[in-house]
Protein backbone atom coordinates (compact mmCIF):
# COMPACT_ATOMS: atom_id res chain seq x y z
CA MET A 1 155.46 63.29 212.62
CA THR A 2 152.40 61.16 212.28
CA PRO A 3 152.95 57.62 213.61
CA ILE A 4 153.60 55.02 210.94
CA PRO A 5 151.31 51.98 211.10
CA SER A 6 152.98 48.69 211.73
CA PRO A 7 153.05 46.13 208.88
CA GLY A 8 150.45 44.03 210.65
CA ALA A 9 148.02 46.94 210.61
CA MET A 10 148.14 47.26 206.78
CA PRO A 11 145.08 45.98 204.84
CA LYS A 12 145.47 42.50 203.33
CA LYS A 13 144.54 41.60 199.74
CA GLY A 14 141.84 38.99 199.47
CA PRO A 15 138.99 37.84 197.22
CA ARG A 16 136.45 40.53 196.32
CA PRO A 17 133.07 39.96 198.03
CA SER A 18 130.36 38.56 195.74
CA GLY A 19 128.43 41.30 193.91
CA GLN A 20 131.21 43.90 194.30
CA SER A 21 131.62 46.25 191.32
CA ALA A 22 133.96 45.11 188.61
CA ILE A 23 136.01 48.31 188.88
CA VAL A 24 136.96 49.61 192.33
CA SER A 25 135.61 53.12 192.80
CA THR A 26 138.23 55.84 192.96
CA PRO A 27 139.19 56.57 196.62
CA ALA A 28 139.84 60.04 197.92
CA ARG A 29 143.47 61.18 197.84
CA SER A 30 145.26 59.56 200.77
CA ASN A 31 147.52 61.22 203.32
CA PRO A 32 151.10 60.06 202.52
CA ALA A 33 151.93 60.18 206.23
CA ASP A 34 149.56 57.20 206.67
CA TRP A 35 151.65 55.08 204.29
CA GLY A 36 155.25 56.12 204.70
CA ARG A 37 157.94 58.36 206.25
CA VAL A 38 161.10 60.33 205.57
CA ALA A 39 163.83 59.65 208.13
CA GLU A 40 166.09 62.36 209.60
CA ASP A 41 168.91 61.25 207.28
CA GLY A 42 166.58 61.64 204.24
CA THR A 43 165.87 57.96 203.72
CA VAL A 44 162.33 57.49 202.34
CA TYR A 45 160.20 54.49 203.36
CA VAL A 46 156.78 53.20 202.24
CA THR A 47 154.73 50.74 204.28
CA GLY A 48 152.83 48.00 202.47
CA PRO A 49 151.44 44.55 203.22
CA GLU A 50 154.94 43.13 203.26
CA GLY A 51 156.16 45.73 205.73
CA GLU A 52 158.32 48.81 205.44
CA ARG A 53 160.38 49.21 202.25
CA LYS A 54 163.05 51.74 201.36
CA ILE A 55 162.20 53.56 198.17
CA GLY A 56 164.65 56.45 197.95
CA GLN A 57 166.67 59.29 199.47
CA TRP A 58 165.29 62.81 200.02
CA GLN A 59 167.74 65.73 200.33
CA ALA A 60 165.83 68.50 198.58
CA GLY A 61 163.88 69.82 201.56
CA THR A 62 162.17 69.00 204.78
CA PRO A 63 160.78 65.54 205.55
CA ALA A 64 157.23 66.92 205.17
CA GLU A 65 158.11 68.16 201.72
CA GLY A 66 159.56 64.75 200.92
CA LEU A 67 156.35 63.04 202.01
CA ALA A 68 154.32 65.42 199.81
CA HIS A 69 156.62 64.74 196.85
CA TYR A 70 156.35 60.95 197.08
CA GLY A 71 152.61 61.20 197.83
CA SER A 72 152.20 63.24 194.66
CA ARG A 73 153.99 60.53 192.72
CA TYR A 74 151.55 58.01 194.21
CA ASP A 75 148.64 60.20 193.12
CA ASP A 76 150.06 60.27 189.58
CA LEU A 77 150.21 56.47 189.62
CA ALA A 78 146.62 56.29 190.95
CA THR A 79 145.55 58.63 188.13
CA GLU A 80 147.02 56.21 185.59
CA VAL A 81 144.96 53.43 187.16
CA GLU A 82 141.81 55.62 187.01
CA LEU A 83 142.44 56.29 183.33
CA LEU A 84 142.69 52.56 182.64
CA GLU A 85 139.39 51.99 184.50
CA ALA A 86 137.71 54.71 182.48
CA ARG A 87 139.11 53.37 179.19
CA LEU A 88 137.87 49.86 179.94
CA LYS A 89 134.39 51.17 180.64
CA ALA A 90 134.25 53.46 177.58
CA HIS A 91 136.20 51.31 175.10
CA PRO A 92 135.81 47.60 175.91
CA ALA A 93 137.05 46.76 172.44
CA GLU A 94 140.51 47.93 173.61
CA ALA A 95 140.51 45.40 176.45
CA GLU A 96 143.71 43.66 175.33
CA SER A 97 145.86 46.79 175.33
CA ILE A 98 144.26 47.96 178.60
CA LYS A 99 145.06 44.60 180.21
CA ALA A 100 148.68 44.83 179.05
CA SER A 101 149.01 48.32 180.52
CA ALA A 102 147.46 47.17 183.80
CA LYS A 103 149.88 44.23 184.05
CA GLU A 104 152.80 46.52 183.34
CA LEU A 105 151.73 48.89 186.15
CA GLN A 106 151.09 45.96 188.49
CA LEU A 107 154.55 44.49 187.89
CA GLY A 108 156.10 47.82 188.78
CA LEU A 109 154.23 48.28 192.07
CA PRO A 110 156.75 46.36 194.25
CA GLU A 111 159.52 48.74 193.09
CA ALA A 112 157.41 51.88 192.76
CA ALA A 113 159.02 54.92 194.46
CA VAL A 114 155.73 56.31 195.74
CA ILE A 115 154.05 56.71 199.12
CA GLY A 116 150.39 55.65 199.28
CA ASP A 117 148.01 52.70 199.48
CA ILE A 118 149.89 50.44 197.07
CA ALA A 119 147.76 47.43 198.02
CA ALA A 120 144.61 49.28 196.92
CA LEU A 121 146.22 50.07 193.58
CA ASP A 122 147.20 46.43 193.23
CA THR A 123 143.59 45.37 193.90
CA ARG A 124 142.26 47.84 191.35
CA LEU A 125 144.77 46.69 188.77
CA LEU A 126 143.76 43.08 189.38
CA ASP A 127 140.12 44.09 188.81
CA ILE A 128 141.07 45.79 185.56
CA ILE A 129 142.99 42.71 184.39
CA GLU A 130 140.16 40.35 185.34
CA HIS A 131 137.43 42.40 183.73
CA SER A 132 139.43 43.29 180.66
CA VAL A 133 139.32 39.58 179.85
CA LYS A 134 135.54 39.53 180.15
CA ALA A 135 135.22 42.83 178.32
CA GLY A 136 137.47 41.51 175.60
CA GLU A 137 135.34 38.40 175.22
CA ALA A 138 132.17 40.50 175.10
CA ALA A 139 133.75 42.87 172.59
CA ALA A 140 134.85 39.91 170.49
CA GLN A 141 131.31 38.51 170.58
CA GLN A 142 129.91 41.88 169.56
CA ARG A 143 132.45 42.12 166.77
CA GLN A 144 131.43 38.65 165.61
CA GLU A 145 127.75 39.62 165.68
CA ARG A 146 128.45 42.86 163.83
CA ARG A 147 130.53 40.91 161.34
CA ALA A 148 127.69 38.43 160.80
CA GLU A 149 125.21 41.29 160.37
CA ALA A 150 127.54 43.06 157.95
CA ILE A 151 128.06 39.85 155.94
CA ALA A 152 124.29 39.28 155.83
CA ALA A 153 123.74 42.87 154.67
CA LYS A 154 126.29 42.55 151.88
CA GLU A 155 124.98 39.13 150.89
CA LYS A 156 121.52 40.69 150.57
CA LEU A 157 122.93 43.46 148.37
CA ALA A 158 124.88 40.93 146.30
CA ASN A 159 121.74 38.81 145.83
CA GLU A 160 119.79 41.87 144.71
CA ALA A 161 122.52 42.87 142.27
CA GLU A 162 122.60 39.33 140.84
CA ALA A 163 118.81 39.31 140.42
CA ILE A 164 118.96 42.65 138.60
CA ALA A 165 121.77 41.41 136.38
CA ALA A 166 119.85 38.25 135.47
CA GLU A 167 116.34 39.56 134.92
CA SER A 168 115.75 43.31 134.89
CA THR A 169 114.97 45.14 131.65
CA GLU A 170 114.09 48.41 133.37
CA TRP A 171 117.45 49.72 132.29
CA ARG A 172 117.38 53.21 133.79
CA ALA A 173 115.86 52.21 137.15
CA ALA A 174 118.03 49.08 137.38
CA GLY A 175 121.21 51.04 136.58
CA ASP A 176 120.34 53.59 139.28
CA ARG A 177 119.77 50.78 141.77
CA ILE A 178 123.10 49.13 140.93
CA ARG A 179 124.82 52.44 141.75
CA GLU A 180 122.79 52.84 144.96
CA ILE A 181 123.84 49.34 146.04
CA LEU A 182 127.49 50.36 145.65
CA GLU A 183 126.98 53.39 147.92
CA GLU A 184 125.19 51.24 150.51
CA TRP A 185 128.00 48.68 150.20
CA LYS A 186 130.63 51.29 151.10
CA GLN A 187 128.83 52.09 154.37
CA ILE A 188 128.99 48.49 155.65
CA LYS A 189 132.10 47.86 157.76
CA GLY A 190 133.51 45.17 160.01
CA ILE A 191 133.89 42.22 157.63
CA ASP A 192 137.05 40.15 157.43
CA ARG A 193 139.07 40.61 154.25
CA LYS A 194 138.44 37.13 152.84
CA SER A 195 134.63 37.31 153.20
CA ASP A 196 134.56 40.88 151.97
CA ASP A 197 136.59 40.02 148.86
CA ALA A 198 134.30 37.08 148.03
CA LEU A 199 131.16 39.19 148.40
CA TRP A 200 132.70 42.04 146.42
CA LYS A 201 133.48 39.65 143.56
CA ARG A 202 129.80 38.62 143.46
CA TYR A 203 128.61 42.22 143.32
CA SER A 204 131.27 43.20 140.81
CA ARG A 205 130.42 40.26 138.50
CA ALA A 206 126.71 41.10 138.75
CA ARG A 207 127.36 44.76 137.93
CA ASP A 208 129.55 43.85 134.97
CA SER A 209 126.97 41.33 133.73
CA PHE A 210 124.19 43.89 133.94
CA ASN A 211 126.30 46.50 132.15
CA ARG A 212 127.13 44.03 129.36
CA ARG A 213 123.50 43.02 128.98
CA ARG A 214 122.36 46.64 128.97
CA GLY A 215 125.07 47.54 126.49
CA ALA A 216 124.02 44.68 124.20
CA HIS A 217 120.39 45.80 124.47
CA PHE A 218 121.14 49.36 123.45
CA ALA A 219 123.51 48.22 120.73
CA GLU A 220 120.67 46.11 119.34
CA LEU A 221 118.37 49.13 119.62
CA ASP A 222 120.88 51.19 117.68
CA ARG A 223 121.03 48.55 114.97
CA ASN A 224 117.24 48.33 114.85
CA ARG A 225 116.94 52.11 114.71
CA ALA A 226 119.40 52.27 111.86
CA THR A 227 117.36 49.65 109.98
CA ALA A 228 114.13 51.50 110.79
CA ARG A 229 115.66 54.72 109.52
CA LYS A 230 116.46 53.16 106.15
CA LYS A 231 112.97 51.67 105.87
CA LYS A 232 111.29 54.95 106.73
CA GLU A 233 113.47 56.95 104.36
CA ASP A 234 112.27 54.57 101.61
CA LEU A 235 108.64 54.96 102.74
CA VAL A 236 108.97 58.75 102.59
CA GLU A 237 110.21 58.53 98.99
CA ARG A 238 107.36 56.22 98.04
CA ALA A 239 104.84 58.52 99.72
CA ARG A 240 106.20 61.53 97.84
CA ALA A 241 105.97 59.63 94.57
CA LEU A 242 102.21 59.16 95.11
CA GLN A 243 101.29 62.62 96.33
CA GLU A 244 100.32 64.02 92.92
CA SER A 245 98.20 61.02 91.93
CA THR A 246 94.54 61.56 90.98
CA ASP A 247 93.66 57.88 91.13
CA TRP A 248 91.90 58.59 94.38
CA ALA A 249 90.69 55.15 95.46
CA GLU A 250 93.80 53.18 94.48
CA THR A 251 96.21 55.76 95.89
CA ALA A 252 94.28 55.99 99.17
CA ARG A 253 94.67 52.22 99.53
CA ALA A 254 98.36 52.56 98.73
CA TYR A 255 98.78 55.16 101.47
CA ARG A 256 97.03 52.87 103.95
CA ASP A 257 99.50 50.12 103.04
CA LEU A 258 102.40 52.53 103.48
CA MET A 259 101.08 53.46 106.93
CA THR A 260 100.94 49.78 107.90
CA GLU A 261 104.59 49.39 106.82
CA TRP A 262 105.51 52.56 108.72
CA LYS A 263 104.08 51.20 111.99
CA ALA A 264 105.88 47.89 111.51
CA ALA A 265 109.23 49.55 110.73
CA GLY A 266 110.00 50.46 114.35
CA ARG A 267 111.58 53.59 115.79
CA ALA A 268 114.44 55.41 114.14
CA PRO A 269 116.62 57.71 116.30
CA ARG A 270 114.22 60.25 117.84
CA GLU A 271 115.41 63.41 116.08
CA VAL A 272 115.51 61.58 112.73
CA ASP A 273 112.21 59.76 113.33
CA ASP A 274 110.33 63.00 113.94
CA LYS A 275 111.68 64.56 110.74
CA LEU A 276 110.90 61.48 108.65
CA TRP A 277 107.35 61.34 110.05
CA ALA A 278 106.83 65.00 109.22
CA ALA A 279 107.95 64.37 105.63
CA PHE A 280 105.80 61.23 105.30
CA ARG A 281 102.76 62.98 106.75
CA ALA A 282 103.29 66.00 104.47
CA ALA A 283 103.16 63.79 101.36
CA GLN A 284 100.03 62.04 102.68
CA ASP A 285 98.34 65.31 103.52
CA HIS A 286 99.14 66.73 100.10
CA PHE A 287 97.36 63.84 98.40
CA PHE A 288 94.35 63.71 100.72
CA ASP A 289 93.93 67.49 100.71
CA ALA A 290 93.76 67.39 96.90
CA ARG A 291 91.30 64.47 96.98
CA ASN A 292 89.15 66.22 99.57
CA ALA A 293 89.09 69.41 97.47
CA VAL A 294 87.85 67.42 94.45
CA ASN A 295 85.30 65.53 96.55
CA ASP A 296 84.06 68.74 98.14
CA GLU A 297 83.48 70.21 94.70
CA ARG A 298 81.63 67.08 93.62
CA ASP A 299 79.53 67.15 96.78
CA LYS A 300 78.30 70.57 95.80
CA GLU A 301 77.18 69.14 92.46
CA PHE A 302 75.58 66.10 94.15
CA ALA A 303 73.47 68.19 96.53
CA SER A 304 70.73 68.48 93.89
CA ASN A 305 70.81 64.66 93.47
CA ALA A 306 69.89 64.27 97.12
CA ALA A 307 66.89 66.55 96.65
CA ALA A 308 65.81 64.55 93.58
CA LYS A 309 66.02 61.27 95.49
CA ASP A 310 63.96 62.73 98.33
CA ALA A 311 61.29 63.56 95.74
CA LEU A 312 61.36 59.98 94.41
CA ILE A 313 60.89 58.57 97.90
CA ALA A 314 57.97 60.87 98.51
CA GLU A 315 56.43 59.84 95.17
CA TYR A 316 56.82 56.06 95.48
CA ASP A 317 56.42 55.49 99.21
CA ALA A 318 52.62 55.19 99.03
CA GLN A 319 52.64 53.35 95.69
CA ILE A 320 54.81 50.51 96.97
CA ASP A 321 52.06 48.74 98.94
CA PRO A 322 52.53 44.94 99.12
CA ALA A 323 49.36 44.59 101.17
CA HIS A 324 47.35 45.67 98.14
CA SER A 325 49.36 43.75 95.52
CA ILE A 326 52.79 42.27 95.81
CA ASP A 327 53.32 42.20 92.06
CA ALA A 328 52.32 45.84 91.74
CA ALA A 329 54.58 46.78 94.63
CA LYS A 330 57.50 44.93 93.01
CA ALA A 331 56.91 46.73 89.72
CA LYS A 332 56.85 50.15 91.40
CA LEU A 333 60.01 49.25 93.32
CA ARG A 334 61.82 48.43 90.07
CA GLU A 335 60.73 51.79 88.63
CA LEU A 336 62.05 53.55 91.71
CA GLN A 337 65.39 51.69 91.58
CA GLU A 338 65.93 52.56 87.90
CA LYS A 339 65.21 56.26 88.46
CA TRP A 340 67.34 56.20 91.62
CA GLU A 341 70.39 54.97 89.71
CA GLU A 342 69.79 57.49 86.89
CA ILE A 343 69.92 60.39 89.33
CA GLY A 344 73.47 59.42 90.43
CA PHE A 345 75.51 60.08 93.54
CA VAL A 346 74.60 62.06 96.61
CA PRO A 347 77.18 63.93 98.80
CA ARG A 348 79.54 61.57 100.65
CA ALA A 349 78.22 62.51 104.06
CA GLN A 350 74.69 61.47 103.02
CA VAL A 351 75.44 58.17 101.25
CA ARG A 352 74.48 55.94 104.19
CA GLU A 353 71.37 57.99 104.88
CA TYR A 354 70.02 57.49 101.34
CA GLU A 355 71.05 53.85 101.20
CA ALA A 356 68.94 53.32 104.32
CA LYS A 357 65.95 55.10 102.75
CA ILE A 358 65.74 52.88 99.66
CA GLU A 359 66.62 49.75 101.67
CA ALA A 360 63.54 50.37 103.82
CA LEU A 361 61.30 50.15 100.74
CA GLU A 362 63.14 47.11 99.42
CA LYS A 363 62.71 45.32 102.77
CA ARG A 364 58.98 46.17 102.73
CA VAL A 365 58.56 44.21 99.47
CA SER A 366 60.90 41.33 100.37
CA ALA A 367 59.17 40.83 103.73
CA ALA A 368 55.77 40.63 102.02
CA GLU A 369 57.13 38.09 99.52
CA GLU A 370 58.53 35.95 102.29
CA GLN A 371 55.24 36.05 104.19
CA GLN A 372 53.31 35.04 101.05
CA TRP A 373 55.73 32.17 100.44
CA ARG A 374 55.23 30.87 104.00
CA ARG A 375 51.46 30.86 103.50
CA THR A 376 51.70 28.81 100.32
CA ASP A 377 54.58 26.54 101.35
CA PRO A 378 53.30 22.95 100.78
CA GLU A 379 55.74 21.49 103.30
CA ALA A 380 54.61 23.88 106.03
CA GLN A 381 50.96 23.16 105.28
CA ALA A 382 51.59 19.40 105.28
CA ARG A 383 53.45 19.67 108.59
CA ALA A 384 50.56 21.59 110.17
CA ALA A 385 48.06 19.02 108.82
CA GLN A 386 50.20 16.19 110.17
CA PHE A 387 50.22 17.74 113.65
CA GLN A 388 46.44 18.21 113.53
CA ALA A 389 45.98 14.60 112.43
CA LYS A 390 47.95 13.43 115.49
CA VAL A 391 45.64 15.53 117.66
CA ASP A 392 42.56 13.96 116.09
CA ASP A 393 44.01 10.44 116.46
CA PHE A 394 44.73 10.88 120.19
CA GLU A 395 41.28 12.36 120.75
CA ALA A 396 39.69 9.33 119.05
CA GLN A 397 41.77 6.94 121.15
CA ALA A 398 40.77 8.83 124.29
CA GLN A 399 37.07 8.53 123.45
CA ALA A 400 37.48 4.77 122.85
CA ALA A 401 39.25 4.32 126.18
CA GLU A 402 36.56 6.32 127.93
CA ALA A 403 33.89 4.10 126.37
CA LYS A 404 35.65 1.04 127.78
CA GLY A 405 35.71 2.62 131.22
CA ASP A 406 39.51 3.17 131.21
CA SER A 407 39.50 6.75 132.53
CA SER A 408 43.21 6.77 133.37
CA ARG A 409 44.28 5.87 129.82
CA ALA A 410 41.74 8.34 128.41
CA ALA A 411 43.27 11.16 130.50
CA SER A 412 46.80 10.25 129.33
CA LEU A 413 45.71 10.24 125.68
CA ARG A 414 43.96 13.60 126.02
CA ALA A 415 47.15 15.07 127.55
CA GLN A 416 49.12 13.93 124.51
CA ALA A 417 46.42 15.36 122.27
CA GLU A 418 46.82 18.75 124.03
CA GLN A 419 50.58 18.68 123.52
CA TRP A 420 50.24 17.92 119.81
CA GLN A 421 47.59 20.63 119.57
CA GLU A 422 50.21 23.14 120.73
CA PHE A 423 52.52 21.97 117.93
CA ALA A 424 49.69 22.26 115.40
CA ASP A 425 48.83 25.79 116.59
CA VAL A 426 52.44 26.93 116.26
CA ALA A 427 52.67 25.52 112.72
CA ALA A 428 49.37 27.21 111.78
CA ARG A 429 50.55 30.56 113.10
CA ALA A 430 53.77 30.28 111.14
CA ILE A 431 51.70 29.92 107.98
CA ASN A 432 49.18 32.63 108.78
CA ASP A 433 51.53 35.10 110.57
CA ASN A 434 50.65 38.67 109.65
């Protein structure tokens, strides 16, 4: 049998050297013969720091088999310690339960019926207990940080929901966003019940407020659409009542007024609005199609009037010559105007064209009259004479100053004379223009 070390040779527990790993690395499986023995009478002993201790009685086999049995039980205990070390590393948030398990194992070591390095297990369990405290504190800090982040995230969502509830009128997009916020809300975990309930109440109130406001909006729309429907049904009846009218001008104005009312009436429900518009437009089209048919027929009759007016223009254009005689030009213009009216209307598409043709001749005469008036205007002539008199006066004063040897004053007076000469020239041109 392998010699059993004396109690004094067993390793002593002491403080871990600075910088040593928090968790003692797993040692290789020990030889039970190094840490205990089975006596000839079957008594089983384990040797620890406190010396040799009886742990049991072995009668099931040889002493070697007894050593192997109690060594295996030690290995099982060491495996439990390894599992606690691994759990603490992988799941620091479970530090409290790991610490409790480690303490329970540690308390049982003095009575453990195992053969192995019990002191090493005790050291490892102490490490687990010590570092479970630190791991627990770190996990608690992380939980607090995650909680703060989660609260901030939900506060942000609650603020957004409240802003939507208070301001948004983009009903479809805002409603979609309210639902998206709820889905995002569900993904945020780790908040204490009290804070979570308070934040949920904010979101819930905002959602309910938005839904009420949206519901009120669409209810108002429904009321407005119902009112618009009644107005447009009335407009359709009024439009139909006018569609057979042959009072073209008055009825066309009436239809324009109806259209103004239609635009101001608002939207009826879509399917109804489209049908009412089709009926309103059909009545309008019936009237205007009839008017256009009559006007088209008249235009055919008026085509010869356009040709007759072209002949008049050709005949009178050379005769209306204000440069030769304004009175004669005015007389010829009156003849032209009388014959023009006698001929009658031209086709609608050519009305502006023919108005422009006769207006050109009328402007020729009126421009000549205006020019003649400017030439004979006594006030204009007096104004021009007054300007010229000022010129002559300054020239005379300049000559007198020159005669007295005052060249500086003479130059100033001549400058004023030049300025007044410009005024006189402008007034003269206004009289004699063209």
